[in-house]
Amino acid sequence: MSFTSTGLNDLFLSALEHQGLDHPTPIQIAAIPAILNGKDVMGIAKTGSGKTASFALPILQNLLTETSAKHREPAVLILVPTRELADQVLEVIRSFSAKLPQRISSLAIYGGSSINTQMQALDKIDILVATPGRLLDLIDKNALKLSSVSTLVLDEADKMLNLGFKEEVDKILSLLPSKRQNLLFSATLSANLTSIKNALLDDPTIVKIESDPEQDTIINELGYFVTAEHKGPLLRYLIKQQKHKQVLVFASSAKAVDSIVNKLRKNKIAASPMHSKMSQGARQEALRQFKEASFHVLVATDLLARGIDIKYLPCVINYELPRSPKDYIHRIGRTGRAGSPGDAISLITMDELPHFRVIQKKTGNKVPMQHSDDINLHGY
């Protein structure tokens, strides 16, 4: 099946062809026609399945027939949980809108960047990608109104509704016009998501793409039993022995990230940190350099579990486990993308084993385990 069958016009078919995208993914096949027809949509599909393009393309096509942007009143609002995801969504939107005959403006706003600069950029924006906190800050400063929003997207909607986001999302929803198109997208389905679907969506098209077992094997999961004192040496051993071009390592806190990076550098492994205590500029620069393979290892907290798209990232290592099984899914989903296989490795102490078993039960994946006792870690 080609993109022609989705109802996209020649402008977007050419853009897709230019990007080397010939065939729509299952989520795109189902969601694009529904969004073009003005339907509310809830889309559930795994990480890396093309969800962003499935809403970005029809939104852009629909905007071509609408009036131009109003002063500080966007027509489309896309809410996301992290700064990194905001930049990623904006990048996709701009890649498809760059050569359109009609200018469609887009902007991402989030904390950690100058609010004054963002206020100045908000003059006439068709599509606004925002994290909830910064969006409300700008509304409070009368820099932005939501009265003209005709399409609302909650991207990674399950995360948006977690503790710390729900109150902000509810406040934003109260400021929107009652008549609008609502689109919810997520990699996982939760009770919270089902609840907001019932409250927010009007006769929605439900798109739930089940995982293809053959595709699931693209991510090769493996766990290592290891003592706490041997975690660092085992990590360095795996990085050096596997010789992957890029390795993304996850830890649970900014302090742990910095400690791991320092020890990697002392062992002559080029590594860089990524966590919320860094400036937005520093985070963007680290991510850019990692994508270009300017250094070997990026060590990050879970803020990067949903905000990075590297098509051929070969390896993800869980130095520490996430609290949530959903975050585990998003972490390992950074690899095994675009049809390219990837390794997802977890380093598990005996204290962490019960939690790892819960994660496996919730995700439905039985992860093969290996003992690290026989690995010679001397010198690592």
Protein backbone atom coordinates (compact mmCIF):
# COMPACT_ATOMS: atom_id res chain seq x y z
CA MET A 1 0.00 0.00 0.00
CA SER A 2 1.22 3.49 -0.85
CA PHE A 3 0.56 6.86 0.76
CA THR A 4 -1.76 7.68 -2.17
CA SER A 5 -4.46 5.55 -0.53
CA THR A 6 -4.42 7.71 2.65
CA GLY A 7 -5.92 10.75 0.92
CA LEU A 8 -2.82 12.95 1.10
CA ASN A 9 -2.44 15.31 -1.85
CA ASP A 10 0.44 15.50 -4.30
CA LEU A 11 2.31 18.12 -2.28
CA PHE A 12 2.74 15.75 0.65
CA LEU A 13 3.26 12.69 -1.53
CA SER A 14 6.23 14.52 -3.07
CA ALA A 15 7.57 15.47 0.35
CA LEU A 16 7.30 11.86 1.51
CA GLU A 17 9.04 10.62 -1.63
CA HIS A 18 11.81 13.19 -1.13
CA GLN A 19 12.37 11.80 2.38
CA GLY A 20 12.49 8.25 1.05
CA LEU A 21 9.18 7.26 2.65
CA ASP A 22 7.34 5.01 0.21
CA HIS A 23 4.90 3.01 2.31
CA PRO A 24 2.75 4.13 5.24
CA THR A 25 2.94 2.31 8.56
CA PRO A 26 -0.21 0.69 10.00
CA ILE A 27 -0.90 3.66 12.30
CA GLN A 28 -0.56 6.05 9.35
CA ILE A 29 -2.88 3.97 7.14
CA ALA A 30 -5.64 4.13 9.75
CA ALA A 31 -5.15 7.58 11.28
CA ILE A 32 -4.39 9.86 8.32
CA PRO A 33 -7.75 9.42 6.49
CA ALA A 34 -9.70 9.82 9.75
CA ILE A 35 -7.89 13.05 10.66
CA LEU A 36 -8.31 14.42 7.13
CA ASN A 37 -12.04 13.82 7.52
CA GLY A 38 -12.15 15.78 10.78
CA LYS A 39 -12.68 12.79 13.05
CA ASP A 40 -11.44 12.59 16.63
CA VAL A 41 -8.77 9.88 16.86
CA MET A 42 -7.11 7.84 19.57
CA GLY A 43 -4.01 6.11 18.24
CA ILE A 44 -2.11 3.47 20.18
CA ALA A 45 1.03 2.11 18.56
CA LYS A 46 4.50 1.24 19.75
CA THR A 47 7.41 3.65 19.78
CA GLY A 48 8.96 4.12 16.34
CA SER A 49 5.75 3.29 14.45
CA GLY A 50 5.36 6.67 12.75
CA LYS A 51 2.80 8.27 15.07
CA THR A 52 4.11 11.82 14.65
CA ALA A 53 3.78 11.79 10.86
CA SER A 54 0.35 10.18 11.19
CA PHE A 55 -1.01 13.39 12.74
CA ALA A 56 1.43 15.98 11.33
CA LEU A 57 0.69 15.24 7.67
CA PRO A 58 -3.13 15.46 7.76
CA ILE A 59 -3.02 18.49 10.08
CA LEU A 60 -0.80 20.31 7.60
CA GLN A 61 -3.05 19.36 4.67
CA ASN A 62 -6.15 20.52 6.52
CA LEU A 63 -4.46 23.85 7.32
CA LEU A 64 -3.93 24.53 3.62
CA THR A 65 -7.68 25.11 3.27
CA GLU A 66 -8.06 27.20 6.43
CA THR A 67 -7.50 30.91 6.99
CA SER A 68 -4.06 32.23 7.85
CA ALA A 69 -2.72 32.40 11.39
CA LYS A 70 -4.17 34.92 13.80
CA HIS A 71 -2.16 37.18 16.08
CA ARG A 72 -1.06 35.07 19.08
CA GLU A 73 -3.86 32.55 18.44
CA PRO A 74 -2.64 29.21 17.04
CA ALA A 75 -4.99 26.99 15.06
CA VAL A 76 -3.33 23.75 16.20
CA LEU A 77 -2.05 22.95 19.69
CA ILE A 78 0.16 19.91 20.26
CA LEU A 79 0.85 19.13 23.92
CA VAL A 80 3.91 17.03 24.74
CA PRO A 81 5.52 16.00 28.05
CA THR A 82 9.17 16.91 27.38
CA ARG A 83 11.29 19.55 25.70
CA GLU A 84 13.08 16.94 23.62
CA LEU A 85 9.83 15.54 22.26
CA ALA A 86 8.66 19.08 21.48
CA ASP A 87 11.74 19.64 19.33
CA GLN A 88 11.32 16.26 17.67
CA VAL A 89 7.67 16.90 16.76
CA LEU A 90 8.53 20.38 15.48
CA GLU A 91 11.30 18.93 13.31
CA VAL A 92 8.84 16.49 11.68
CA ILE A 93 6.27 19.25 11.07
CA ARG A 94 8.82 21.58 9.50
CA SER A 95 10.28 18.82 7.33
CA PHE A 96 6.86 18.39 5.68
CA SER A 97 5.87 22.07 5.56
CA ALA A 98 9.12 23.58 4.30
CA LYS A 99 8.22 23.53 0.58
CA LEU A 100 4.48 24.10 0.73
CA PRO A 101 3.17 26.92 -1.49
CA GLN A 102 1.35 28.41 1.49
CA ARG A 103 3.39 29.35 4.55
CA ILE A 104 2.40 27.31 7.60
CA SER A 105 4.26 28.57 10.67
CA SER A 106 5.18 26.36 13.60
CA LEU A 107 6.92 26.86 16.93
CA ALA A 108 7.90 24.80 19.99
CA ILE A 109 7.75 26.36 23.45
CA TYR A 110 8.98 24.84 26.72
CA GLY A 111 10.69 25.69 29.96
CA GLY A 112 14.45 26.04 30.17
CA SER A 113 14.52 28.58 27.33
CA SER A 114 13.97 32.33 27.41
CA ILE A 115 10.28 33.09 27.86
CA ASN A 116 10.80 36.58 26.42
CA THR A 117 12.24 35.13 23.21
CA GLN A 118 9.29 32.77 22.95
CA MET A 119 6.83 35.63 23.53
CA GLN A 120 8.38 37.56 20.64
CA ALA A 121 8.14 34.53 18.34
CA LEU A 122 4.43 34.00 19.02
CA ASP A 123 3.12 36.66 16.67
CA LYS A 124 1.38 34.49 14.05
CA ILE A 125 1.79 30.75 14.59
CA ASP A 126 -0.38 28.12 12.91
CA ILE A 127 0.94 25.12 14.85
CA LEU A 128 2.15 25.43 18.43
CA VAL A 129 3.99 22.51 20.10
CA ALA A 130 4.15 23.05 23.85
CA THR A 131 4.84 21.56 27.23
CA PRO A 132 1.94 22.35 29.59
CA GLY A 133 3.82 24.44 32.16
CA ARG A 134 5.37 26.88 29.72
CA LEU A 135 2.11 27.14 27.79
CA LEU A 136 0.26 28.22 30.93
CA ASP A 137 3.06 30.67 31.80
CA LEU A 138 2.61 32.40 28.45
CA ILE A 139 -1.17 32.44 28.79
CA ASP A 140 -0.82 34.01 32.25
CA LYS A 141 1.33 36.74 30.68
CA ASN A 142 -1.36 37.41 28.04
CA ALA A 143 1.15 36.44 25.36
CA LEU A 144 -1.10 33.74 23.93
CA LYS A 145 -4.77 32.79 23.60
CA LEU A 146 -6.28 29.39 22.82
CA SER A 147 -9.63 30.66 21.55
CA SER A 148 -8.86 29.80 17.91
CA VAL A 149 -7.56 26.25 18.41
CA SER A 150 -9.39 23.97 15.99
CA THR A 151 -7.23 20.88 16.55
CA LEU A 152 -5.75 19.59 19.81
CA VAL A 153 -3.15 16.83 19.92
CA LEU A 154 -2.04 15.09 23.10
CA ASP A 155 1.17 13.34 22.08
CA GLU A 156 2.42 10.64 24.47
CA ALA A 157 -0.95 11.15 26.12
CA ASP A 158 -0.39 8.53 28.82
CA LYS A 159 2.60 10.49 30.12
CA MET A 160 0.70 13.76 29.89
CA LEU A 161 -1.89 12.41 32.31
CA ASN A 162 0.54 11.17 34.93
CA LEU A 163 0.83 12.91 38.27
CA GLY A 164 2.21 16.41 37.76
CA PHE A 165 0.63 16.90 34.34
CA LYS A 166 -3.07 16.18 34.80
CA GLU A 167 -3.92 19.40 36.65
CA GLU A 168 -2.14 21.50 34.02
CA VAL A 169 -3.79 19.59 31.16
CA ASP A 170 -7.22 20.02 32.74
CA LYS A 171 -6.65 23.78 33.01
CA ILE A 172 -5.56 23.98 29.37
CA LEU A 173 -8.60 22.00 28.23
CA SER A 174 -10.86 24.47 30.04
CA LEU A 175 -9.41 27.31 27.95
CA LEU A 176 -10.03 25.66 24.57
CA PRO A 177 -13.05 26.11 22.31
CA SER A 178 -15.66 23.42 22.85
CA LYS A 179 -15.85 22.68 19.14
CA ARG A 180 -12.54 21.24 17.95
CA GLN A 181 -10.87 18.09 16.68
CA ASN A 182 -9.13 16.05 19.40
CA LEU A 183 -6.29 13.62 18.71
CA LEU A 184 -4.70 11.37 21.37
CA PHE A 185 -1.58 9.37 20.60
CA SER A 186 0.40 7.06 22.84
CA ALA A 187 2.64 4.00 22.78
CA THR A 188 0.77 2.42 25.69
CA LEU A 189 -2.83 2.24 26.86
CA SER A 190 -3.68 3.01 30.48
CA ALA A 191 -6.76 3.50 32.65
CA ASN A 192 -6.06 7.25 32.68
CA LEU A 193 -5.95 7.30 28.90
CA THR A 194 -9.24 5.41 28.62
CA SER A 195 -10.79 7.87 31.07
CA ILE A 196 -9.78 10.98 29.12
CA LYS A 197 -10.78 9.30 25.87
CA ASN A 198 -14.30 8.98 27.21
CA ALA A 199 -14.34 12.58 28.47
CA LEU A 200 -12.57 14.29 25.57
CA LEU A 201 -13.24 12.44 22.33
CA ASP A 202 -16.48 12.61 20.36
CA ASP A 203 -17.32 9.42 18.45
CA PRO A 204 -13.60 8.77 17.89
CA THR A 205 -11.83 6.52 15.45
CA ILE A 206 -9.87 4.12 17.66
CA VAL A 207 -6.62 2.89 16.13
CA LYS A 208 -4.78 0.26 18.16
CA ILE A 209 -1.91 -1.33 16.32
CA GLU A 210 -0.92 -4.63 17.85
CA SER A 211 2.74 -5.48 17.83
CA ASP A 212 3.92 -7.76 15.06
CA PRO A 213 5.79 -10.67 16.72
CA GLU A 214 8.32 -10.69 13.89
CA GLN A 215 8.95 -6.97 14.37
CA ASP A 216 9.20 -7.39 18.13
CA THR A 217 12.29 -9.55 17.66
CA ILE A 218 14.09 -6.53 16.17
CA ILE A 219 14.81 -5.48 19.78
CA ASN A 220 17.04 -8.11 21.33
CA GLU A 221 16.52 -7.89 25.09
CA LEU A 222 19.08 -9.31 27.49
CA GLY A 223 19.70 -9.01 31.21
CA TYR A 224 22.88 -9.52 33.23
CA PHE A 225 22.96 -10.53 36.88
CA VAL A 226 25.60 -8.33 38.49
CA THR A 227 26.63 -7.11 41.93
CA ALA A 228 26.32 -3.40 42.67
CA GLU A 229 30.10 -2.93 42.82
CA HIS A 230 30.58 -4.59 39.44
CA LYS A 231 27.94 -2.58 37.57
CA GLY A 232 30.37 0.10 36.43
CA PRO A 233 33.04 -2.34 35.22
CA LEU A 234 30.40 -4.46 33.44
CA LEU A 235 29.00 -1.39 31.70
CA ARG A 236 32.45 -0.38 30.47
CA TYR A 237 33.17 -3.97 29.41
CA LEU A 238 29.98 -4.16 27.34
CA ILE A 239 30.61 -0.78 25.71
CA LYS A 240 34.17 -1.68 24.74
CA GLN A 241 33.55 -5.28 23.73
CA GLN A 242 30.47 -4.73 21.60
CA LYS A 243 32.04 -1.82 19.74
CA HIS A 244 28.74 -0.19 18.88
CA LYS A 245 29.04 3.21 17.21
CA GLN A 246 26.48 4.68 19.63
CA VAL A 247 25.25 3.51 23.03
CA LEU A 248 22.46 5.14 25.03
CA VAL A 249 22.70 4.44 28.78
CA PHE A 250 19.82 5.13 31.16
CA ALA A 251 20.18 5.95 34.85
CA SER A 252 17.63 7.04 37.43
CA SER A 253 18.92 10.45 38.51
CA ALA A 254 21.03 13.39 37.37
CA LYS A 255 23.59 12.54 40.05
CA ALA A 256 23.91 8.97 38.81
CA VAL A 257 24.22 10.17 35.20
CA ASP A 258 27.08 12.53 36.05
CA SER A 259 28.86 9.84 38.07
CA ILE A 260 28.63 7.30 35.24
CA VAL A 261 29.88 9.83 32.69
CA ASN A 262 32.87 10.77 34.85
CA LYS A 263 33.88 7.13 35.25
CA LEU A 264 33.46 6.43 31.54
CA ARG A 265 35.67 9.38 30.68
CA LYS A 266 38.31 8.26 33.19
CA ASN A 267 38.35 4.97 31.30
CA LYS A 268 38.84 6.76 27.97
CA ILE A 269 35.28 6.28 26.73
CA ALA A 270 33.86 9.40 25.09
CA ALA A 271 30.62 10.09 26.95
CA SER A 272 28.25 12.96 27.64
CA PRO A 273 25.37 13.48 30.12
CA MET A 274 21.74 14.40 29.47
CA HIS A 275 19.45 15.38 32.34
CA SER A 276 17.08 18.10 33.54
CA LYS A 277 19.70 20.00 35.52
CA MET A 278 21.53 20.92 32.32
CA SER A 279 20.55 24.01 30.34
CA GLN A 280 18.32 23.46 27.33
CA GLY A 281 21.13 24.62 25.04
CA ALA A 282 23.56 22.11 26.53
CA ARG A 283 21.01 19.31 26.19
CA GLN A 284 20.27 20.15 22.56
CA GLU A 285 23.98 20.30 21.75
CA ALA A 286 24.67 16.95 23.45
CA LEU A 287 21.81 15.33 21.55
CA ARG A 288 22.96 16.82 18.25
CA GLN A 289 26.50 15.58 18.72
CA PHE A 290 25.30 12.13 19.77
CA LYS A 291 23.11 11.84 16.66
CA GLU A 292 26.17 12.74 14.59
CA ALA A 293 28.21 10.14 16.52
CA SER A 294 30.67 12.80 17.66
CA PHE A 295 31.04 10.83 20.88
CA HIS A 296 30.37 7.23 21.81
CA VAL A 297 28.01 7.11 24.78
CA LEU A 298 25.11 9.30 25.92
CA VAL A 299 24.03 8.77 29.53
CA ALA A 300 20.54 10.04 30.29
CA THR A 301 17.63 10.09 32.69
CA ASP A 302 14.13 9.16 31.57
CA LEU A 303 13.52 12.61 30.10
CA LEU A 304 15.15 11.17 26.95
CA ALA A 305 13.12 7.94 26.94
CA ARG A 306 10.44 9.61 24.80
CA GLY A 307 12.29 12.49 23.22
CA ILE A 308 14.92 11.00 20.95
CA ASP A 309 14.56 9.53 17.49
CA ILE A 310 17.74 8.01 16.09
CA LYS A 311 16.82 5.62 13.30
CA TYR A 312 19.77 3.29 13.68
CA LEU A 313 20.67 3.50 17.37
CA PRO A 314 22.19 0.04 17.93
CA CYS A 315 22.19 -0.31 21.71
CA VAL A 316 20.37 0.83 24.85
CA ILE A 317 21.64 -0.13 28.31
CA ASN A 318 19.61 0.17 31.50
CA TYR A 319 22.28 0.85 34.09
CA GLU A 320 19.42 1.36 36.54
CA LEU A 321 15.81 0.32 36.03
CA PRO A 322 13.02 2.85 35.59
CA ARG A 323 10.22 2.99 38.15
CA SER A 324 7.49 2.31 35.60
CA PRO A 325 7.14 -0.61 33.16
CA LYS A 326 5.89 1.96 30.62
CA ASP A 327 9.14 3.89 30.92
CA TYR A 328 11.01 0.62 30.35
CA ILE A 329 9.06 0.15 27.10
CA HIS A 330 9.91 3.67 25.99
CA ARG A 331 13.56 3.28 26.95
CA ILE A 332 14.17 0.13 24.95
CA GLY A 333 12.05 1.54 22.13
CA ARG A 334 14.86 3.98 21.35
CA THR A 335 16.60 1.09 19.58
CA GLY A 336 15.27 -1.36 17.00
CA ARG A 337 13.73 1.45 14.92
CA ALA A 338 13.23 1.86 11.17
CA GLY A 339 13.56 -1.88 10.62
CA SER A 340 17.08 -1.98 12.03
CA PRO A 341 17.79 -4.44 14.90
CA GLY A 342 19.03 -3.22 18.25
CA ASP A 343 20.15 -4.51 21.63
CA ALA A 344 18.43 -3.60 24.90
CA ILE A 345 20.54 -4.65 27.89
CA SER A 346 19.65 -4.36 31.57
CA LEU A 347 22.11 -4.65 34.46
CA ILE A 348 20.27 -6.27 37.36
CA THR A 349 21.37 -6.69 40.97
CA MET A 350 19.58 -9.13 43.25
CA ASP A 351 17.86 -6.18 44.95
CA GLU A 352 16.49 -5.05 41.58
CA LEU A 353 15.38 -8.50 40.46
CA PRO A 354 11.84 -8.38 41.97
CA HIS A 355 11.15 -5.07 40.23
CA PHE A 356 12.56 -6.42 36.96
CA ARG A 357 10.22 -9.38 37.22
CA VAL A 358 7.29 -6.97 37.64
CA ILE A 359 8.41 -5.08 34.53
CA GLN A 360 8.59 -8.32 32.55
CA LYS A 361 5.15 -9.38 33.75
CA LYS A 362 3.59 -6.03 32.86
CA THR A 363 5.26 -5.86 29.42
CA GLY A 364 4.65 -9.54 28.65
CA ASN A 365 8.29 -10.08 27.71
CA LYS A 366 10.45 -12.75 29.28
CA VAL A 367 13.97 -11.35 29.15
CA PRO A 368 16.78 -13.95 28.94
CA MET A 369 19.32 -13.52 31.73
CA GLN A 370 23.05 -14.18 31.90
CA HIS A 371 25.40 -14.33 34.88
CA SER A 372 28.32 -11.93 34.78
CA ASP A 373 30.44 -13.95 37.24
CA ASP A 374 32.41 -15.57 34.45
CA ILE A 375 33.25 -12.30 32.69
CA ASN A 376 36.76 -11.07 33.39
CA LEU A 377 36.21 -7.46 34.42
CA HIS A 378 39.81 -6.85 35.46
CA GLY A 379 41.00 -3.56 34.00
CA TYR A 380 37.50 -2.22 33.40
